[in-house]
Amino acid sequence: FDSDVYQHFSLSAFQTKKSNTKLQIKRFKFKMSATLHTDVGDIKLELFCEECPKTCENFLALCGSNYYNGSIFHRNIKGFIVQTGDPTGTGKGGQSIWARKFEDEFRDGLKHNERGMISMANNGPNTNASQFFITYAAQPALDLKYTLFGK
């Protein structure tokens, strides 16, 4: 993934079933993923649906409706983040599946502690819509400021 090139992409979502056992009680846990299709290759995204259910619902529904198809990475800061999710390509557009901004889903255990963490872009508290970013490196200053919903 070349941080100096802007790419167009589309997304597709997949669901896999994983069984866990604990105290002889069988649980089924669903693990969600999506694939970011860019003009330079695919990137598989693991989504934190249990930790951030509303954010993942929004993201997956937008993927399923082809909302992101053809979007560009409109913001690219070397060593920091690459941002997309605005179908206008300006960085000023985009909306959620609810046609309004939605609240943050911060979790103490989720940290921007490595390359490839995926978070919602926002304009302040509780202003999530469709834009998201992927980190190029660990970015602890972003913790508890942007809903981290995948990697």
N, C-alpha and C. Protein backbone atom coordinates (compact mmCIF):
# COMPACT_ATOMS: atom_id res chain seq x y z
N PHE A 1 0.85 -1.18 0.00
CA PHE A 1 0.00 0.00 0.00
C PHE A 1 0.89 1.23 0.00
N ASP A 2 0.87 1.98 -1.04
CA ASP A 2 1.73 3.14 -1.21
C ASP A 2 1.05 4.38 -0.63
N SER A 3 1.64 4.95 0.42
CA SER A 3 1.02 6.09 1.09
C SER A 3 1.06 7.37 0.26
N ASP A 4 1.78 7.36 -0.85
CA ASP A 4 1.86 8.56 -1.67
C ASP A 4 0.89 8.55 -2.85
N VAL A 5 0.04 7.53 -2.95
CA VAL A 5 -0.88 7.39 -4.07
C VAL A 5 -2.31 7.32 -3.54
N TYR A 6 -3.22 8.04 -4.18
CA TYR A 6 -4.62 7.98 -3.81
C TYR A 6 -5.28 6.87 -4.62
N GLN A 7 -6.06 6.04 -3.97
CA GLN A 7 -6.68 4.91 -4.64
C GLN A 7 -8.20 4.99 -4.57
N HIS A 8 -8.85 4.40 -5.56
CA HIS A 8 -10.28 4.17 -5.51
C HIS A 8 -10.49 2.79 -4.93
N PHE A 9 -11.62 2.55 -4.31
CA PHE A 9 -11.83 1.23 -3.74
C PHE A 9 -13.30 0.90 -3.66
N SER A 10 -13.56 -0.36 -3.41
CA SER A 10 -14.89 -0.83 -3.07
C SER A 10 -14.73 -1.77 -1.89
N LEU A 11 -15.81 -2.03 -1.19
CA LEU A 11 -15.76 -2.89 -0.02
C LEU A 11 -16.76 -4.02 -0.15
N SER A 12 -16.41 -5.16 0.40
CA SER A 12 -17.35 -6.25 0.51
C SER A 12 -17.22 -6.83 1.91
N ALA A 13 -18.30 -7.32 2.46
CA ALA A 13 -18.29 -7.81 3.84
C ALA A 13 -18.51 -9.32 3.86
N PHE A 14 -17.90 -9.96 4.82
CA PHE A 14 -18.02 -11.40 5.00
C PHE A 14 -18.26 -11.69 6.47
N GLN A 15 -18.96 -12.77 6.73
CA GLN A 15 -19.21 -13.18 8.11
C GLN A 15 -18.73 -14.61 8.26
N THR A 16 -17.98 -14.88 9.32
CA THR A 16 -17.54 -16.23 9.61
C THR A 16 -18.02 -16.61 10.99
N LYS A 17 -18.24 -17.88 11.19
CA LYS A 17 -18.76 -18.35 12.46
C LYS A 17 -17.64 -19.08 13.20
N LYS A 18 -17.45 -18.74 14.46
CA LYS A 18 -16.41 -19.34 15.26
C LYS A 18 -17.06 -19.84 16.55
N SER A 19 -16.80 -21.07 16.91
CA SER A 19 -17.40 -21.58 18.14
C SER A 19 -16.37 -21.54 19.26
N ASN A 20 -16.83 -21.18 20.44
CA ASN A 20 -16.00 -21.17 21.63
C ASN A 20 -16.71 -22.00 22.70
N THR A 21 -15.92 -22.69 23.55
CA THR A 21 -16.53 -23.42 24.65
C THR A 21 -16.00 -22.87 25.95
N LYS A 22 -16.87 -22.80 26.93
CA LYS A 22 -16.48 -22.33 28.25
C LYS A 22 -17.40 -23.00 29.25
N LEU A 23 -16.84 -23.69 30.22
CA LEU A 23 -17.62 -24.40 31.24
C LEU A 23 -18.64 -25.34 30.60
N GLN A 24 -18.26 -26.00 29.56
CA GLN A 24 -19.09 -26.96 28.84
C GLN A 24 -20.34 -26.34 28.23
N ILE A 25 -20.37 -25.03 28.14
CA ILE A 25 -21.49 -24.35 27.49
C ILE A 25 -20.97 -23.86 26.14
N LYS A 26 -21.65 -24.26 25.10
CA LYS A 26 -21.19 -23.89 23.76
C LYS A 26 -21.74 -22.52 23.38
N ARG A 27 -20.85 -21.65 22.98
CA ARG A 27 -21.21 -20.31 22.52
C ARG A 27 -20.81 -20.18 21.07
N PHE A 28 -21.57 -19.41 20.34
CA PHE A 28 -21.18 -19.10 18.98
C PHE A 28 -20.91 -17.61 18.90
N LYS A 29 -19.78 -17.28 18.39
CA LYS A 29 -19.38 -15.89 18.27
C LYS A 29 -19.19 -15.59 16.78
N PHE A 30 -19.79 -14.52 16.33
CA PHE A 30 -19.64 -14.13 14.94
C PHE A 30 -18.50 -13.14 14.80
N LYS A 31 -17.64 -13.44 13.88
CA LYS A 31 -16.52 -12.56 13.58
C LYS A 31 -16.78 -11.96 12.21
N MET A 32 -16.74 -10.65 12.13
CA MET A 32 -17.03 -9.97 10.87
C MET A 32 -15.74 -9.43 10.26
N SER A 33 -15.72 -9.45 8.96
CA SER A 33 -14.61 -8.84 8.25
C SER A 33 -15.13 -8.20 6.98
N ALA A 34 -14.34 -7.34 6.43
CA ALA A 34 -14.65 -6.69 5.16
C ALA A 34 -13.36 -6.64 4.36
N THR A 35 -13.48 -6.57 3.08
CA THR A 35 -12.30 -6.46 2.22
C THR A 35 -12.34 -5.13 1.49
N LEU A 36 -11.29 -4.37 1.65
CA LEU A 36 -11.13 -3.09 0.97
C LEU A 36 -10.43 -3.39 -0.36
N HIS A 37 -11.15 -3.20 -1.45
CA HIS A 37 -10.59 -3.44 -2.78
C HIS A 37 -10.06 -2.11 -3.32
N THR A 38 -8.74 -2.00 -3.47
CA THR A 38 -8.15 -0.78 -4.01
C THR A 38 -7.57 -1.07 -5.39
N ASP A 39 -7.17 -0.04 -6.07
CA ASP A 39 -6.57 -0.25 -7.39
C ASP A 39 -5.14 -0.78 -7.30
N VAL A 40 -4.61 -0.95 -6.08
CA VAL A 40 -3.29 -1.54 -5.90
C VAL A 40 -3.34 -2.84 -5.10
N GLY A 41 -4.53 -3.36 -4.85
CA GLY A 41 -4.67 -4.62 -4.13
C GLY A 41 -5.71 -4.55 -3.04
N ASP A 42 -5.99 -5.71 -2.46
CA ASP A 42 -7.02 -5.84 -1.43
C ASP A 42 -6.42 -5.75 -0.03
N ILE A 43 -7.22 -5.22 0.90
CA ILE A 43 -6.85 -5.16 2.31
C ILE A 43 -8.00 -5.77 3.10
N LYS A 44 -7.72 -6.82 3.87
CA LYS A 44 -8.76 -7.45 4.68
C LYS A 44 -8.86 -6.71 6.01
N LEU A 45 -10.07 -6.36 6.39
CA LEU A 45 -10.34 -5.61 7.62
C LEU A 45 -11.07 -6.51 8.60
N GLU A 46 -10.57 -6.62 9.81
CA GLU A 46 -11.27 -7.32 10.89
C GLU A 46 -12.05 -6.27 11.67
N LEU A 47 -13.34 -6.52 11.87
CA LEU A 47 -14.20 -5.53 12.54
C LEU A 47 -14.51 -5.95 13.97
N PHE A 48 -14.56 -4.98 14.87
CA PHE A 48 -14.84 -5.22 16.28
C PHE A 48 -16.33 -5.03 16.56
N CYS A 49 -17.14 -5.94 16.04
CA CYS A 49 -18.60 -5.80 16.11
C CYS A 49 -19.15 -5.89 17.52
N GLU A 50 -18.56 -6.72 18.36
CA GLU A 50 -19.06 -6.83 19.74
C GLU A 50 -18.76 -5.57 20.53
N GLU A 51 -17.60 -4.99 20.30
CA GLU A 51 -17.19 -3.80 21.04
C GLU A 51 -17.85 -2.52 20.52
N CYS A 52 -18.09 -2.46 19.23
CA CYS A 52 -18.63 -1.25 18.59
C CYS A 52 -19.79 -1.62 17.66
N PRO A 53 -20.88 -2.12 18.21
CA PRO A 53 -21.96 -2.64 17.36
C PRO A 53 -22.61 -1.61 16.44
N LYS A 54 -22.84 -0.42 16.92
CA LYS A 54 -23.51 0.58 16.09
C LYS A 54 -22.59 1.05 14.96
N THR A 55 -21.33 1.27 15.27
CA THR A 55 -20.38 1.69 14.25
C THR A 55 -20.23 0.62 13.17
N CYS A 56 -20.11 -0.63 13.60
CA CYS A 56 -19.97 -1.72 12.63
C CYS A 56 -21.25 -1.93 11.83
N GLU A 57 -22.40 -1.77 12.46
CA GLU A 57 -23.66 -1.86 11.71
C GLU A 57 -23.70 -0.81 10.61
N ASN A 58 -23.33 0.41 10.94
CA ASN A 58 -23.30 1.49 9.97
C ASN A 58 -22.32 1.17 8.84
N PHE A 59 -21.11 0.80 9.20
CA PHE A 59 -20.06 0.52 8.22
C PHE A 59 -20.47 -0.62 7.28
N LEU A 60 -20.95 -1.72 7.86
CA LEU A 60 -21.32 -2.87 7.03
C LEU A 60 -22.52 -2.58 6.15
N ALA A 61 -23.48 -1.83 6.65
CA ALA A 61 -24.64 -1.47 5.83
C ALA A 61 -24.22 -0.56 4.67
N LEU A 62 -23.33 0.38 4.94
CA LEU A 62 -22.83 1.23 3.86
C LEU A 62 -22.06 0.40 2.83
N CYS A 63 -21.27 -0.56 3.31
CA CYS A 63 -20.56 -1.47 2.39
C CYS A 63 -21.56 -2.24 1.53
N GLY A 64 -22.58 -2.80 2.19
CA GLY A 64 -23.57 -3.61 1.50
C GLY A 64 -24.38 -2.86 0.46
N SER A 65 -24.49 -1.56 0.64
CA SER A 65 -25.25 -0.74 -0.32
C SER A 65 -24.36 -0.12 -1.39
N ASN A 66 -23.09 -0.52 -1.41
CA ASN A 66 -22.10 0.01 -2.37
C ASN A 66 -21.85 1.51 -2.20
N TYR A 67 -22.13 2.03 -1.03
CA TYR A 67 -21.97 3.45 -0.74
C TYR A 67 -20.53 3.93 -0.98
N TYR A 68 -19.56 3.09 -0.59
CA TYR A 68 -18.16 3.48 -0.67
C TYR A 68 -17.53 3.26 -2.05
N ASN A 69 -18.20 2.54 -2.92
CA ASN A 69 -17.59 2.21 -4.21
C ASN A 69 -17.17 3.46 -4.98
N GLY A 70 -15.94 3.45 -5.45
CA GLY A 70 -15.42 4.58 -6.21
C GLY A 70 -14.88 5.71 -5.37
N SER A 71 -14.98 5.60 -4.04
CA SER A 71 -14.45 6.66 -3.17
C SER A 71 -12.93 6.71 -3.27
N ILE A 72 -12.40 7.89 -3.05
CA ILE A 72 -10.95 8.06 -3.04
C ILE A 72 -10.46 8.27 -1.61
N PHE A 73 -9.16 8.07 -1.41
CA PHE A 73 -8.53 8.46 -0.16
C PHE A 73 -8.26 9.95 -0.28
N HIS A 74 -9.14 10.76 0.29
CA HIS A 74 -9.06 12.21 0.12
C HIS A 74 -8.08 12.88 1.09
N ARG A 75 -7.65 12.16 2.10
CA ARG A 75 -6.70 12.71 3.07
C ARG A 75 -5.62 11.67 3.29
N ASN A 76 -4.38 12.05 3.11
CA ASN A 76 -3.27 11.11 3.21
C ASN A 76 -2.09 11.82 3.86
N ILE A 77 -1.82 11.47 5.11
CA ILE A 77 -0.74 12.11 5.85
C ILE A 77 0.31 11.04 6.15
N LYS A 78 1.43 11.12 5.47
CA LYS A 78 2.48 10.12 5.57
C LYS A 78 2.87 9.88 7.03
N GLY A 79 2.91 8.61 7.40
CA GLY A 79 3.29 8.22 8.75
C GLY A 79 2.18 8.37 9.78
N PHE A 80 1.03 8.90 9.38
CA PHE A 80 -0.08 9.14 10.32
C PHE A 80 -1.31 8.34 9.91
N ILE A 81 -2.10 8.84 8.96
CA ILE A 81 -3.33 8.17 8.55
C ILE A 81 -3.62 8.39 7.07
N VAL A 82 -4.50 7.53 6.56
CA VAL A 82 -5.11 7.73 5.25
C VAL A 82 -6.62 7.67 5.49
N GLN A 83 -7.36 8.62 4.92
CA GLN A 83 -8.79 8.77 5.22
C GLN A 83 -9.63 8.68 3.96
N THR A 84 -10.81 8.08 4.10
CA THR A 84 -11.74 7.90 3.00
C THR A 84 -13.16 7.83 3.55
N GLY A 85 -14.10 7.47 2.69
CA GLY A 85 -15.48 7.28 3.13
C GLY A 85 -16.41 8.41 2.76
N ASP A 86 -15.90 9.38 2.01
CA ASP A 86 -16.72 10.49 1.54
C ASP A 86 -16.94 10.32 0.04
N PRO A 87 -18.16 9.97 -0.38
CA PRO A 87 -18.39 9.74 -1.80
C PRO A 87 -18.18 10.98 -2.67
N THR A 88 -18.19 12.18 -2.08
CA THR A 88 -17.95 13.38 -2.88
C THR A 88 -16.46 13.58 -3.15
N GLY A 89 -15.62 12.91 -2.36
CA GLY A 89 -14.17 13.03 -2.54
C GLY A 89 -13.57 14.31 -1.98
N THR A 90 -14.37 15.12 -1.30
CA THR A 90 -13.88 16.40 -0.79
C THR A 90 -13.44 16.35 0.67
N GLY A 91 -13.88 15.32 1.39
CA GLY A 91 -13.62 15.26 2.82
C GLY A 91 -14.66 15.98 3.64
N LYS A 92 -15.67 16.55 2.98
CA LYS A 92 -16.72 17.29 3.67
C LYS A 92 -18.07 16.59 3.62
N GLY A 93 -18.16 15.49 2.89
CA GLY A 93 -19.44 14.82 2.71
C GLY A 93 -19.54 13.51 3.45
N GLY A 94 -20.65 12.84 3.21
CA GLY A 94 -20.90 11.53 3.80
C GLY A 94 -21.94 11.58 4.89
N GLN A 95 -22.70 10.49 4.97
CA GLN A 95 -23.69 10.38 6.05
C GLN A 95 -23.82 8.94 6.48
N SER A 96 -24.37 8.75 7.65
CA SER A 96 -24.58 7.41 8.20
C SER A 96 -25.84 6.80 7.61
N ILE A 97 -26.09 5.55 7.95
CA ILE A 97 -27.31 4.88 7.48
C ILE A 97 -28.55 5.47 8.13
N TRP A 98 -28.37 6.23 9.20
CA TRP A 98 -29.50 6.87 9.89
C TRP A 98 -29.72 8.29 9.40
N ALA A 99 -28.94 8.73 8.41
CA ALA A 99 -29.04 10.08 7.84
C ALA A 99 -28.81 11.17 8.89
N ARG A 100 -28.03 10.84 9.90
CA ARG A 100 -27.64 11.80 10.94
C ARG A 100 -26.33 11.31 11.54
N LYS A 101 -25.68 12.16 12.27
CA LYS A 101 -24.46 11.78 12.98
C LYS A 101 -24.83 10.82 14.11
N PHE A 102 -23.90 9.95 14.49
CA PHE A 102 -24.18 9.04 15.59
C PHE A 102 -23.05 9.06 16.61
N GLU A 103 -23.36 8.53 17.80
CA GLU A 103 -22.49 8.66 18.95
C GLU A 103 -21.23 7.80 18.86
N ASP A 104 -20.21 8.24 19.58
CA ASP A 104 -18.95 7.50 19.69
C ASP A 104 -19.17 6.22 20.48
N GLU A 105 -18.34 5.23 20.20
CA GLU A 105 -18.33 3.97 20.96
C GLU A 105 -16.90 3.71 21.41
N PHE A 106 -16.47 4.42 22.43
CA PHE A 106 -15.11 4.26 22.94
C PHE A 106 -15.05 3.06 23.87
N ARG A 107 -13.96 2.31 23.78
CA ARG A 107 -13.72 1.16 24.64
C ARG A 107 -12.29 1.25 25.14
N ASP A 108 -12.13 1.18 26.47
CA ASP A 108 -10.79 1.30 27.07
C ASP A 108 -9.80 0.29 26.51
N GLY A 109 -10.26 -0.90 26.18
CA GLY A 109 -9.37 -1.95 25.69
C GLY A 109 -8.95 -1.81 24.24
N LEU A 110 -9.57 -0.91 23.50
CA LEU A 110 -9.22 -0.72 22.10
C LEU A 110 -8.27 0.47 21.97
N LYS A 111 -7.10 0.21 21.44
CA LYS A 111 -6.05 1.24 21.35
C LYS A 111 -5.51 1.33 19.93
N HIS A 112 -5.11 2.51 19.55
CA HIS A 112 -4.43 2.73 18.27
C HIS A 112 -2.95 2.38 18.47
N ASN A 113 -2.68 1.12 18.76
CA ASN A 113 -1.35 0.71 19.17
C ASN A 113 -0.52 0.04 18.09
N GLU A 114 -1.00 0.06 16.85
CA GLU A 114 -0.23 -0.53 15.76
C GLU A 114 -0.71 0.02 14.42
N ARG A 115 0.04 -0.26 13.41
CA ARG A 115 -0.32 0.10 12.03
C ARG A 115 -1.60 -0.64 11.65
N GLY A 116 -2.45 0.04 10.88
CA GLY A 116 -3.63 -0.63 10.34
C GLY A 116 -4.89 -0.56 11.19
N MET A 117 -4.91 0.25 12.22
CA MET A 117 -6.12 0.39 13.03
C MET A 117 -7.12 1.26 12.27
N ILE A 118 -8.41 0.89 12.33
CA ILE A 118 -9.46 1.57 11.56
C ILE A 118 -10.40 2.30 12.52
N SER A 119 -10.57 3.59 12.31
CA SER A 119 -11.43 4.40 13.18
C SER A 119 -12.33 5.30 12.35
N MET A 120 -13.42 5.72 12.98
CA MET A 120 -14.31 6.70 12.35
C MET A 120 -13.66 8.08 12.41
N ALA A 121 -13.72 8.79 11.31
CA ALA A 121 -13.31 10.19 11.30
C ALA A 121 -14.47 11.01 11.86
N ASN A 122 -14.17 12.10 12.53
CA ASN A 122 -15.26 12.92 13.08
C ASN A 122 -14.84 14.38 13.17
N ASN A 123 -15.82 15.22 13.50
CA ASN A 123 -15.58 16.66 13.69
C ASN A 123 -15.72 17.05 15.15
N GLY A 124 -15.62 16.08 16.03
CA GLY A 124 -15.81 16.31 17.45
C GLY A 124 -16.63 15.18 18.04
N PRO A 125 -16.93 15.25 19.32
CA PRO A 125 -17.67 14.17 19.96
C PRO A 125 -19.01 13.88 19.28
N ASN A 126 -19.27 12.58 19.10
CA ASN A 126 -20.57 12.09 18.61
C ASN A 126 -20.96 12.65 17.24
N THR A 127 -19.98 12.76 16.34
CA THR A 127 -20.26 13.27 14.99
C THR A 127 -19.84 12.27 13.91
N ASN A 128 -20.00 10.98 14.18
CA ASN A 128 -19.63 9.94 13.22
C ASN A 128 -20.67 9.86 12.10
N ALA A 129 -20.20 9.56 10.89
CA ALA A 129 -21.11 9.42 9.74
C ALA A 129 -20.61 8.26 8.87
N SER A 130 -19.87 8.56 7.80
CA SER A 130 -19.39 7.50 6.91
C SER A 130 -17.87 7.49 6.75
N GLN A 131 -17.21 8.59 7.06
CA GLN A 131 -15.77 8.65 6.83
C GLN A 131 -15.00 7.88 7.90
N PHE A 132 -13.92 7.24 7.45
CA PHE A 132 -13.07 6.49 8.36
C PHE A 132 -11.62 6.64 7.92
N PHE A 133 -10.71 6.26 8.81
CA PHE A 133 -9.29 6.33 8.48
C PHE A 133 -8.58 5.07 8.95
N ILE A 134 -7.43 4.84 8.35
CA ILE A 134 -6.56 3.71 8.70
C ILE A 134 -5.21 4.31 9.10
N THR A 135 -4.66 3.85 10.22
CA THR A 135 -3.39 4.39 10.70
C THR A 135 -2.21 3.75 9.97
N TYR A 136 -1.18 4.55 9.75
CA TYR A 136 0.07 4.06 9.17
C TYR A 136 1.01 3.52 10.25
N ALA A 137 0.77 3.89 11.50
CA ALA A 137 1.62 3.49 12.63
C ALA A 137 0.78 3.63 13.90
N ALA A 138 1.33 3.20 15.02
CA ALA A 138 0.65 3.40 16.31
C ALA A 138 0.40 4.89 16.51
N GLN A 139 -0.81 5.22 16.99
CA GLN A 139 -1.20 6.62 17.20
C GLN A 139 -1.94 6.75 18.54
N PRO A 140 -1.25 6.60 19.67
CA PRO A 140 -1.93 6.63 20.96
C PRO A 140 -2.68 7.93 21.25
N ALA A 141 -2.30 9.03 20.63
CA ALA A 141 -3.00 10.30 20.85
C ALA A 141 -4.44 10.25 20.33
N LEU A 142 -4.77 9.27 19.49
CA LEU A 142 -6.13 9.15 18.95
C LEU A 142 -7.05 8.33 19.85
N ASP A 143 -6.49 7.63 20.84
CA ASP A 143 -7.29 6.79 21.72
C ASP A 143 -8.36 7.60 22.44
N LEU A 144 -9.57 7.05 22.49
CA LEU A 144 -10.73 7.64 23.16
C LEU A 144 -11.13 9.00 22.58
N LYS A 145 -10.70 9.26 21.35
CA LYS A 145 -11.13 10.46 20.63
C LYS A 145 -11.83 10.10 19.33
N TYR A 146 -11.49 8.93 18.79
CA TYR A 146 -12.07 8.42 17.55
C TYR A 146 -12.47 6.97 17.78
N THR A 147 -13.69 6.61 17.38
CA THR A 147 -14.17 5.25 17.58
C THR A 147 -13.34 4.28 16.75
N LEU A 148 -12.59 3.43 17.44
CA LEU A 148 -11.75 2.42 16.81
C LEU A 148 -12.61 1.17 16.64
N PHE A 149 -12.87 0.77 15.39
CA PHE A 149 -13.81 -0.33 15.17
C PHE A 149 -13.25 -1.48 14.35
N GLY A 150 -11.95 -1.46 14.08
CA GLY A 150 -11.37 -2.57 13.33
C GLY A 150 -9.88 -2.42 13.14
N LYS A 151 -9.33 -3.43 12.46
CA LYS A 151 -7.90 -3.38 12.11
C LYS A 151 -7.66 -4.17 10.84
